[in-house]
Amino acid sequence: MAKAIQAYLVLYNASCLVGWAYALYQGLTVLSGDVWPSLEGVWAVAGPTVLIVQSAMTLEIFHAGLGFVRSPVFVTAMQVTS
């Protein structure tokens, strides 16, 4: 069972890494455009990706609660919701 949890956590973290990298790529693409970029333009493009990845971070609380990681649930919840 420990191998399955470890594989899941690796996949979860890799997915978050890819999501954040894609959001960064989207934001930099807007910023490197010909027209002067605005924060609204960056958010319009990268915002949905950021919301999905940030929402997935709530799984961190469940990981701590289920004992998948050695983190206190309360501290993890505070970090995720801040």
Protein backbone atom coordinates (compact mmCIF):
# COMPACT_ATOMS: atom_id res chain seq x y z
CA MET A 1 0.00 0.00 0.00
CA ALA A 2 2.87 2.38 0.77
CA LYS A 3 4.15 2.04 -2.81
CA ALA A 4 0.71 2.95 -4.18
CA ILE A 5 0.49 6.03 -1.95
CA GLN A 6 4.02 7.06 -2.92
CA ALA A 7 3.20 6.65 -6.61
CA TYR A 8 0.00 8.67 -6.17
CA LEU A 9 1.86 11.48 -4.39
CA VAL A 10 4.51 11.59 -7.11
CA LEU A 11 1.79 11.78 -9.77
CA TYR A 12 -0.09 14.43 -7.79
CA ASN A 13 3.01 16.60 -7.34
CA ALA A 14 4.05 16.15 -10.97
CA SER A 15 0.57 17.20 -12.07
CA CYS A 16 0.74 20.32 -9.91
CA LEU A 17 4.19 21.12 -11.31
CA VAL A 18 2.90 20.82 -14.87
CA GLY A 19 -0.14 22.95 -14.02
CA TRP A 20 1.92 25.75 -12.47
CA ALA A 21 4.43 25.62 -15.35
CA TYR A 22 1.58 25.92 -17.85
CA ALA A 23 0.10 28.88 -15.96
CA LEU A 24 3.53 30.54 -15.98
CA TYR A 25 3.85 29.89 -19.71
CA GLN A 26 0.41 31.40 -20.32
CA GLY A 27 1.26 34.51 -18.28
CA LEU A 28 4.63 35.00 -19.96
CA THR A 29 3.05 34.57 -23.38
CA VAL A 30 0.67 37.44 -22.63
CA LEU A 31 3.48 39.58 -21.23
CA SER A 32 5.67 39.01 -24.27
CA GLY A 33 2.96 40.08 -26.73
CA ASP A 34 3.15 43.08 -29.05
CA VAL A 35 0.48 45.03 -27.20
CA TRP A 36 1.27 46.47 -23.78
CA PRO A 37 -0.02 43.78 -21.40
CA SER A 38 -2.18 44.36 -18.39
CA LEU A 39 -2.73 42.27 -15.31
CA GLU A 40 -6.31 41.77 -16.42
CA GLY A 41 -5.02 40.28 -19.66
CA VAL A 42 -2.68 37.92 -17.83
CA TRP A 43 -5.48 36.87 -15.48
CA ALA A 44 -7.90 36.39 -18.37
CA VAL A 45 -5.51 33.93 -19.98
CA ALA A 46 -3.84 32.21 -17.02
CA GLY A 47 -6.58 32.63 -14.41
CA PRO A 48 -8.57 29.48 -15.16
CA THR A 49 -5.42 27.36 -15.00
CA VAL A 50 -4.36 28.98 -11.73
CA LEU A 51 -7.80 28.34 -10.21
CA ILE A 52 -7.72 24.66 -11.18
CA VAL A 53 -4.23 24.08 -9.83
CA GLN A 54 -4.85 26.07 -6.66
CA SER A 55 -8.11 24.21 -6.07
CA ALA A 56 -6.25 20.92 -6.42
CA MET A 57 -4.00 22.06 -3.58
CA THR A 58 -6.92 21.45 -1.18
CA LEU A 59 -6.05 17.77 -1.57
CA GLU A 60 -3.02 18.54 0.61
CA ILE A 61 -5.37 18.72 3.59
CA PHE A 62 -6.72 15.24 2.86
CA HIS A 63 -3.20 13.90 2.37
CA ALA A 64 -2.29 15.11 5.85
CA GLY A 65 -5.54 13.88 7.37
CA LEU A 66 -5.20 10.41 5.86
CA GLY A 67 -1.58 10.15 6.97
CA PHE A 68 -0.13 10.11 3.44
CA VAL A 69 2.34 12.81 4.52
CA ARG A 70 3.77 13.68 7.94
CA SER A 71 2.24 17.12 8.25
CA PRO A 72 -0.20 18.39 10.87
CA VAL A 73 -3.68 18.77 9.36
CA PHE A 74 -4.28 22.18 10.96
CA VAL A 75 -0.99 23.63 9.74
CA THR A 76 -1.58 22.25 6.25
CA ALA A 77 -5.10 23.71 6.20
CA MET A 78 -3.74 27.10 7.25
CA GLN A 79 -1.13 27.03 4.49
CA VAL A 80 -3.59 25.99 1.79
CA THR A 81 -6.23 28.52 2.74
CA SER A 82 -3.84 31.45 3.16
